[in-house]
Amino acid sequence: MAEDRLMAFWVAMATDPMKHEAFLRDAEAAIAAAGLDAAERDVVKSGNARTIYARLTHTALPSAPPASASLPGKD
């Protein structure tokens, strides 16, 4: 399953220093070695944490980020 490949890729990046180093040296080669398809490659290459999270958790991204609230005393 595609999500399993993508999750396995991120787990490997977080837990295997050699794979992480290989990714830092040549991201394209590391992505290809992981067997990710074009859509998965786009998610990885986006570098966007929200997009990655949404893909891994099967959640939809909101159309716009929530409005930020001002901190107390910072008006």
PDB file of N, CA and C in Angstrom:
ATOM      1  N   MET A   1       0.847  -1.180   0.000  1.00  0.00           N
ATOM      2  CA  MET A   1       0.000   0.000   0.000  1.00  0.00           C
ATOM      3  C   MET A   1       0.891   1.241   0.000  1.00  0.00           C
ATOM      4  N   ALA A   2       0.466   2.249  -0.731  1.00  0.00           N
ATOM      5  CA  ALA A   2       1.255   3.460  -0.901  1.00  0.00           C
ATOM      6  C   ALA A   2       1.559   4.139   0.434  1.00  0.00           C
ATOM      7  N   GLU A   3       0.570   4.239   1.297  1.00  0.00           N
ATOM      8  CA  GLU A   3       0.781   4.911   2.574  1.00  0.00           C
ATOM      9  C   GLU A   3       1.815   4.168   3.409  1.00  0.00           C
ATOM     10  N   ASP A   4       1.836   2.836   3.278  1.00  0.00           N
ATOM     11  CA  ASP A   4       2.825   2.064   4.020  1.00  0.00           C
ATOM     12  C   ASP A   4       4.235   2.381   3.528  1.00  0.00           C
ATOM     13  N   ARG A   5       4.400   2.561   2.206  1.00  0.00           N
ATOM     14  CA  ARG A   5       5.713   2.912   1.667  1.00  0.00           C
ATOM     15  C   ARG A   5       6.144   4.284   2.158  1.00  0.00           C
ATOM     16  N   LEU A   6       5.210   5.214   2.129  1.00  0.00           N
ATOM     17  CA  LEU A   6       5.530   6.567   2.555  1.00  0.00           C
ATOM     18  C   LEU A   6       5.858   6.604   4.052  1.00  0.00           C
ATOM     19  N   MET A   7       5.079   5.910   4.846  1.00  0.00           N
ATOM     20  CA  MET A   7       5.360   5.844   6.289  1.00  0.00           C
ATOM     21  C   MET A   7       6.704   5.167   6.535  1.00  0.00           C
ATOM     22  N   ALA A   8       6.965   4.089   5.828  1.00  0.00           N
ATOM     23  CA  ALA A   8       8.239   3.385   5.993  1.00  0.00           C
ATOM     24  C   ALA A   8       9.408   4.289   5.614  1.00  0.00           C
ATOM     25  N   PHE A   9       9.223   5.097   4.586  1.00  0.00           N
ATOM     26  CA  PHE A   9      10.267   6.040   4.177  1.00  0.00           C
ATOM     27  C   PHE A   9      10.581   7.001   5.315  1.00  0.00           C
ATOM     28  N   TRP A  10       9.541   7.610   5.907  1.00  0.00           N
ATOM     29  CA  TRP A  10       9.772   8.588   6.973  1.00  0.00           C
ATOM     30  C   TRP A  10      10.329   7.929   8.231  1.00  0.00           C
ATOM     31  N   VAL A  11       9.872   6.722   8.538  1.00  0.00           N
ATOM     32  CA  VAL A  11      10.418   6.014   9.698  1.00  0.00           C
ATOM     33  C   VAL A  11      11.906   5.735   9.472  1.00  0.00           C
ATOM     34  N   ALA A  12      12.253   5.325   8.252  1.00  0.00           N
ATOM     35  CA  ALA A  12      13.662   5.070   7.947  1.00  0.00           C
ATOM     36  C   ALA A  12      14.491   6.343   8.074  1.00  0.00           C
ATOM     37  N   MET A  13      13.953   7.461   7.633  1.00  0.00           N
ATOM     38  CA  MET A  13      14.687   8.730   7.735  1.00  0.00           C
ATOM     39  C   MET A  13      14.925   9.100   9.199  1.00  0.00           C
ATOM     40  N   ALA A  14      13.971   8.754  10.052  1.00  0.00           N
ATOM     41  CA  ALA A  14      14.060   9.118  11.471  1.00  0.00           C
ATOM     42  C   ALA A  14      14.887   8.139  12.297  1.00  0.00           C
ATOM     43  N   THR A  15      15.007   6.897  11.824  1.00  0.00           N
ATOM     44  CA  THR A  15      15.630   5.877  12.665  1.00  0.00           C
ATOM     45  C   THR A  15      16.914   5.279  12.108  1.00  0.00           C
ATOM     46  N   ASP A  16      17.182   5.480  10.835  1.00  0.00           N
ATOM     47  CA  ASP A  16      18.374   4.883  10.224  1.00  0.00           C
ATOM     48  C   ASP A  16      19.310   5.997   9.764  1.00  0.00           C
ATOM     49  N   PRO A  17      20.352   6.269  10.541  1.00  0.00           N
ATOM     50  CA  PRO A  17      21.253   7.372  10.197  1.00  0.00           C
ATOM     51  C   PRO A  17      21.868   7.239   8.806  1.00  0.00           C
ATOM     52  N   MET A  18      22.131   6.034   8.360  1.00  0.00           N
ATOM     53  CA  MET A  18      22.728   5.836   7.030  1.00  0.00           C
ATOM     54  C   MET A  18      21.744   6.239   5.929  1.00  0.00           C
ATOM     55  N   LYS A  19      20.484   5.867   6.084  1.00  0.00           N
ATOM     56  CA  LYS A  19      19.480   6.246   5.086  1.00  0.00           C
ATOM     57  C   LYS A  19      19.240   7.751   5.105  1.00  0.00           C
ATOM     58  N   HIS A  20      19.238   8.320   6.292  1.00  0.00           N
ATOM     59  CA  HIS A  20      19.052   9.767   6.393  1.00  0.00           C
ATOM     60  C   HIS A  20      20.222  10.494   5.736  1.00  0.00           C
ATOM     61  N   GLU A  21      21.422  10.031   5.985  1.00  0.00           N
ATOM     62  CA  GLU A  21      22.607  10.634   5.374  1.00  0.00           C
ATOM     63  C   GLU A  21      22.549  10.489   3.841  1.00  0.00           C
ATOM     64  N   ALA A  22      22.120   9.318   3.376  1.00  0.00           N
ATOM     65  CA  ALA A  22      21.998   9.107   1.930  1.00  0.00           C
ATOM     66  C   ALA A  22      20.972  10.066   1.336  1.00  0.00           C
ATOM     67  N   PHE A  23      19.890  10.298   2.046  1.00  0.00           N
ATOM     68  CA  PHE A  23      18.870  11.239   1.591  1.00  0.00           C
ATOM     69  C   PHE A  23      19.442  12.650   1.516  1.00  0.00           C
ATOM     70  N   LEU A  24      20.214  13.043   2.508  1.00  0.00           N
ATOM     71  CA  LEU A  24      20.807  14.378   2.512  1.00  0.00           C
ATOM     72  C   LEU A  24      21.813  14.554   1.377  1.00  0.00           C
ATOM     73  N   ARG A  25      22.532  13.485   1.049  1.00  0.00           N
ATOM     74  CA  ARG A  25      23.504  13.537  -0.050  1.00  0.00           C
ATOM     75  C   ARG A  25      22.824  13.575  -1.408  1.00  0.00           C
ATOM     76  N   ASP A  26      21.794  12.728  -1.593  1.00  0.00           N
ATOM     77  CA  ASP A  26      21.128  12.615  -2.896  1.00  0.00           C
ATOM     78  C   ASP A  26      19.677  12.213  -2.668  1.00  0.00           C
ATOM     79  N   ALA A  27      18.832  13.216  -2.486  1.00  0.00           N
ATOM     80  CA  ALA A  27      17.423  12.962  -2.176  1.00  0.00           C
ATOM     81  C   ALA A  27      16.744  12.152  -3.268  1.00  0.00           C
ATOM     82  N   GLU A  28      17.017  12.473  -4.524  1.00  0.00           N
ATOM     83  CA  GLU A  28      16.383  11.755  -5.640  1.00  0.00           C
ATOM     84  C   GLU A  28      16.698  10.264  -5.586  1.00  0.00           C
ATOM     85  N   ALA A  29      17.946   9.931  -5.355  1.00  0.00           N
ATOM     86  CA  ALA A  29      18.348   8.523  -5.292  1.00  0.00           C
ATOM     87  C   ALA A  29      17.702   7.824  -4.097  1.00  0.00           C
ATOM     88  N   ALA A  30      17.635   8.493  -2.959  1.00  0.00           N
ATOM     89  CA  ALA A  30      17.031   7.893  -1.765  1.00  0.00           C
ATOM     90  C   ALA A  30      15.539   7.669  -1.968  1.00  0.00           C
ATOM     91  N   ILE A  31      14.886   8.620  -2.605  1.00  0.00           N
ATOM     92  CA  ILE A  31      13.454   8.483  -2.879  1.00  0.00           C
ATOM     93  C   ILE A  31      13.222   7.333  -3.849  1.00  0.00           C
ATOM     94  N   ALA A  32      14.048   7.247  -4.879  1.00  0.00           N
ATOM     95  CA  ALA A  32      13.922   6.156  -5.856  1.00  0.00           C
ATOM     96  C   ALA A  32      14.174   4.804  -5.189  1.00  0.00           C
ATOM     97  N   ALA A  33      15.185   4.742  -4.317  1.00  0.00           N
ATOM     98  CA  ALA A  33      15.506   3.495  -3.629  1.00  0.00           C
ATOM     99  C   ALA A  33      14.358   3.029  -2.737  1.00  0.00           C
ATOM    100  N   ALA A  34      13.572   3.981  -2.239  1.00  0.00           N
ATOM    101  CA  ALA A  34      12.434   3.647  -1.382  1.00  0.00           C
ATOM    102  C   ALA A  34      11.247   3.144  -2.189  1.00  0.00           C
ATOM    103  N   GLY A  35      11.314   3.301  -3.522  1.00  0.00           N
ATOM    104  CA  GLY A  35      10.228   2.810  -4.367  1.00  0.00           C
ATOM    105  C   GLY A  35       8.980   3.665  -4.330  1.00  0.00           C
ATOM    106  N   LEU A  36       9.135   4.947  -3.998  1.00  0.00           N
ATOM    107  CA  LEU A  36       7.975   5.829  -3.920  1.00  0.00           C
ATOM    108  C   LEU A  36       7.476   6.165  -5.321  1.00  0.00           C
ATOM    109  N   ASP A  37       6.147   6.243  -5.460  1.00  0.00           N
ATOM    110  CA  ASP A  37       5.574   6.615  -6.752  1.00  0.00           C
ATOM    111  C   ASP A  37       5.604   8.141  -6.901  1.00  0.00           C
ATOM    112  N   ALA A  38       5.129   8.627  -8.038  1.00  0.00           N
ATOM    113  CA  ALA A  38       5.214  10.062  -8.346  1.00  0.00           C
ATOM    114  C   ALA A  38       4.490  10.913  -7.307  1.00  0.00           C
ATOM    115  N   ALA A  39       3.308  10.503  -6.877  1.00  0.00           N
ATOM    116  CA  ALA A  39       2.550  11.279  -5.883  1.00  0.00           C
ATOM    117  C   ALA A  39       3.280  11.306  -4.549  1.00  0.00           C
ATOM    118  N   GLU A  40       3.839  10.167  -4.159  1.00  0.00           N
ATOM    119  CA  GLU A  40       4.585  10.104  -2.901  1.00  0.00           C
ATOM    120  C   GLU A  40       5.847  10.954  -2.987  1.00  0.00           C
ATOM    121  N   ARG A  41       6.504  10.924  -4.140  1.00  0.00           N
ATOM    122  CA  ARG A  41       7.701  11.755  -4.336  1.00  0.00           C
ATOM    123  C   ARG A  41       7.343  13.227  -4.184  1.00  0.00           C
ATOM    124  N   ASP A  42       6.194  13.621  -4.747  1.00  0.00           N
ATOM    125  CA  ASP A  42       5.770  15.019  -4.641  1.00  0.00           C
ATOM    126  C   ASP A  42       5.556  15.420  -3.190  1.00  0.00           C
ATOM    127  N   VAL A  43       4.979  14.513  -2.407  1.00  0.00           N
ATOM    128  CA  VAL A  43       4.748  14.804  -0.986  1.00  0.00           C
ATOM    129  C   VAL A  43       6.084  15.006  -0.280  1.00  0.00           C
ATOM    130  N   VAL A  44       7.027  14.112  -0.511  1.00  0.00           N
ATOM    131  CA  VAL A  44       8.336  14.219   0.133  1.00  0.00           C
ATOM    132  C   VAL A  44       9.039  15.500  -0.305  1.00  0.00           C
ATOM    133  N   LYS A  45       9.054  15.745  -1.604  1.00  0.00           N
ATOM    134  CA  LYS A  45       9.758  16.909  -2.131  1.00  0.00           C
ATOM    135  C   LYS A  45       9.114  18.225  -1.717  1.00  0.00           C
ATOM    136  N   SER A  46       7.831  18.192  -1.370  1.00  0.00           N
ATOM    137  CA  SER A  46       7.163  19.431  -0.965  1.00  0.00           C
ATOM    138  C   SER A  46       7.819  20.018   0.272  1.00  0.00           C
ATOM    139  N   GLY A  47       8.307  19.153   1.158  1.00  0.00           N
ATOM    140  CA  GLY A  47       8.900  19.628   2.397  1.00  0.00           C
ATOM    141  C   GLY A  47       7.892  20.288   3.323  1.00  0.00           C
ATOM    142  N   ASN A  48       6.624  20.172   2.971  1.00  0.00           N
ATOM    143  CA  ASN A  48       5.565  20.819   3.731  1.00  0.00           C
ATOM    144  C   ASN A  48       5.025  19.847   4.781  1.00  0.00           C
ATOM    145  N   ALA A  49       5.273  20.155   6.048  1.00  0.00           N
ATOM    146  CA  ALA A  49       4.877  19.265   7.137  1.00  0.00           C
ATOM    147  C   ALA A  49       3.373  19.011   7.156  1.00  0.00           C
ATOM    148  N   ARG A  50       2.582  20.029   6.847  1.00  0.00           N
ATOM    149  CA  ARG A  50       1.123  19.848   6.836  1.00  0.00           C
ATOM    150  C   ARG A  50       0.692  18.872   5.756  1.00  0.00           C
ATOM    151  N   THR A  51       1.291  18.985   4.581  1.00  0.00           N
ATOM    152  CA  THR A  51       0.963  18.091   3.475  1.00  0.00           C
ATOM    153  C   THR A  51       1.371  16.664   3.807  1.00  0.00           C
ATOM    154  N   ILE A  52       2.563  16.519   4.355  1.00  0.00           N
ATOM    155  CA  ILE A  52       3.054  15.191   4.729  1.00  0.00           C
ATOM    156  C   ILE A  52       2.150  14.579   5.789  1.00  0.00           C
ATOM    157  N   TYR A  53       1.831  15.337   6.812  1.00  0.00           N
ATOM    158  CA  TYR A  53       0.961  14.856   7.886  1.00  0.00           C
ATOM    159  C   TYR A  53      -0.405  14.445   7.342  1.00  0.00           C
ATOM    160  N   ALA A  54      -0.976  15.281   6.502  1.00  0.00           N
ATOM    161  CA  ALA A  54      -2.295  14.976   5.936  1.00  0.00           C
ATOM    162  C   ALA A  54      -2.260  13.676   5.142  1.00  0.00           C
ATOM    163  N   ARG A  55      -1.203  13.486   4.376  1.00  0.00           N
ATOM    164  CA  ARG A  55      -1.099  12.271   3.569  1.00  0.00           C
ATOM    165  C   ARG A  55      -0.938  11.037   4.440  1.00  0.00           C
ATOM    166  N   LEU A  56      -0.139  11.148   5.487  1.00  0.00           N
ATOM    167  CA  LEU A  56       0.101  10.002   6.356  1.00  0.00           C
ATOM    168  C   LEU A  56      -1.092   9.657   7.238  1.00  0.00           C
ATOM    169  N   THR A  57      -1.894  10.649   7.569  1.00  0.00           N
ATOM    170  CA  THR A  57      -3.026  10.421   8.473  1.00  0.00           C
ATOM    171  C   THR A  57      -4.369  10.369   7.758  1.00  0.00           C
ATOM    172  N   HIS A  58      -4.339  10.524   6.443  1.00  0.00           N
ATOM    173  CA  HIS A  58      -5.563  10.481   5.634  1.00  0.00           C
ATOM    174  C   HIS A  58      -6.551  11.560   6.065  1.00  0.00           C
ATOM    175  N   THR A  59      -6.040  12.726   6.358  1.00  0.00           N
ATOM    176  CA  THR A  59      -6.909  13.842   6.721  1.00  0.00           C
ATOM    177  C   THR A  59      -6.825  14.911   5.643  1.00  0.00           C
ATOM    178  N   ALA A  60      -7.893  15.644   5.496  1.00  0.00           N
ATOM    179  CA  ALA A  60      -7.917  16.730   4.520  1.00  0.00           C
ATOM    180  C   ALA A  60      -7.321  17.980   5.152  1.00  0.00           C
ATOM    181  N   LEU A  61      -6.594  18.715   4.349  1.00  0.00           N
ATOM    182  CA  LEU A  61      -6.067  19.988   4.828  1.00  0.00           C
ATOM    183  C   LEU A  61      -7.156  21.036   4.741  1.00  0.00           C
ATOM    184  N   PRO A  62      -7.258  21.914   5.726  1.00  0.00           N
ATOM    185  CA  PRO A  62      -8.218  23.005   5.618  1.00  0.00           C
ATOM    186  C   PRO A  62      -7.825  23.913   4.455  1.00  0.00           C
ATOM    187  N   SER A  63      -8.799  24.575   3.881  1.00  0.00           N
ATOM    188  CA  SER A  63      -8.509  25.426   2.730  1.00  0.00           C
ATOM    189  C   SER A  63      -7.633  26.614   3.105  1.00  0.00           C
ATOM    190  N   ALA A  64      -7.713  27.044   4.342  1.00  0.00           N
ATOM    191  CA  ALA A  64      -6.873  28.151   4.818  1.00  0.00           C
ATOM    192  C   ALA A  64      -6.452  27.852   6.249  1.00  0.00           C
ATOM    193  N   PRO A  65      -5.259  28.268   6.612  1.00  0.00           N
ATOM    194  CA  PRO A  65      -4.843  28.046   8.007  1.00  0.00           C
ATOM    195  C   PRO A  65      -5.732  28.849   8.950  1.00  0.00           C
ATOM    196  N   PRO A  66      -5.922  28.357  10.179  1.00  0.00           N
ATOM    197  CA  PRO A  66      -6.751  29.093  11.127  1.00  0.00           C
ATOM    198  C   PRO A  66      -6.152  30.460  11.431  1.00  0.00           C
ATOM    199  N   ALA A  67      -7.010  31.392  11.710  1.00  0.00           N
ATOM    200  CA  ALA A  67      -6.550  32.741  12.064  1.00  0.00           C
ATOM    201  C   ALA A  67      -5.799  32.659  13.381  1.00  0.00           C
ATOM    202  N   SER A  68      -4.709  33.379  13.474  1.00  0.00           N
ATOM    203  CA  SER A  68      -3.940  33.333  14.713  1.00  0.00           C
ATOM    204  C   SER A  68      -4.576  34.287  15.736  1.00  0.00           C
ATOM    205  N   ALA A  69      -4.624  33.825  16.939  1.00  0.00           N
ATOM    206  CA  ALA A  69      -5.157  34.629  18.034  1.00  0.00           C
ATOM    207  C   ALA A  69      -4.011  35.411  18.648  1.00  0.00           C
ATOM    208  N   SER A  70      -4.288  36.612  19.068  1.00  0.00           N
ATOM    209  CA  SER A  70      -3.228  37.380  19.718  1.00  0.00           C
ATOM    210  C   SER A  70      -3.019  36.873  21.135  1.00  0.00           C
ATOM    211  N   LEU A  71      -1.788  36.958  21.563  1.00  0.00           N
ATOM    212  CA  LEU A  71      -1.461  36.521  22.920  1.00  0.00           C
ATOM    213  C   LEU A  71      -1.946  37.560  23.911  1.00  0.00           C
ATOM    214  N   PRO A  72      -2.300  37.111  25.122  1.00  0.00           N
ATOM    215  CA  PRO A  72      -2.736  38.074  26.133  1.00  0.00           C
ATOM    216  C   PRO A  72      -1.651  39.116  26.382  1.00  0.00           C
ATOM    217  N   GLY A  73      -2.049  40.359  26.438  1.00  0.00           N
ATOM    218  CA  GLY A  73      -1.121  41.442  26.702  1.00  0.00           C
ATOM    219  C   GLY A  73      -0.317  41.877  25.489  1.00  0.00           C
ATOM    220  N   LYS A  74      -0.579  41.297  24.326  1.00  0.00           N
ATOM    221  CA  LYS A  74       0.181  41.626  23.120  1.00  0.00           C
ATOM    222  C   LYS A  74      -0.682  42.344  22.084  1.00  0.00           C
ATOM    223  N   ASP A  75      -1.702  43.058  22.528  1.00  0.00           N
ATOM    224  CA  ASP A  75      -2.609  43.763  21.593  1.00  0.00           C
ATOM    225  C   ASP A  75      -2.001  44.973  21.010  1.00  0.00           C
TER     226      ASP A  75
END
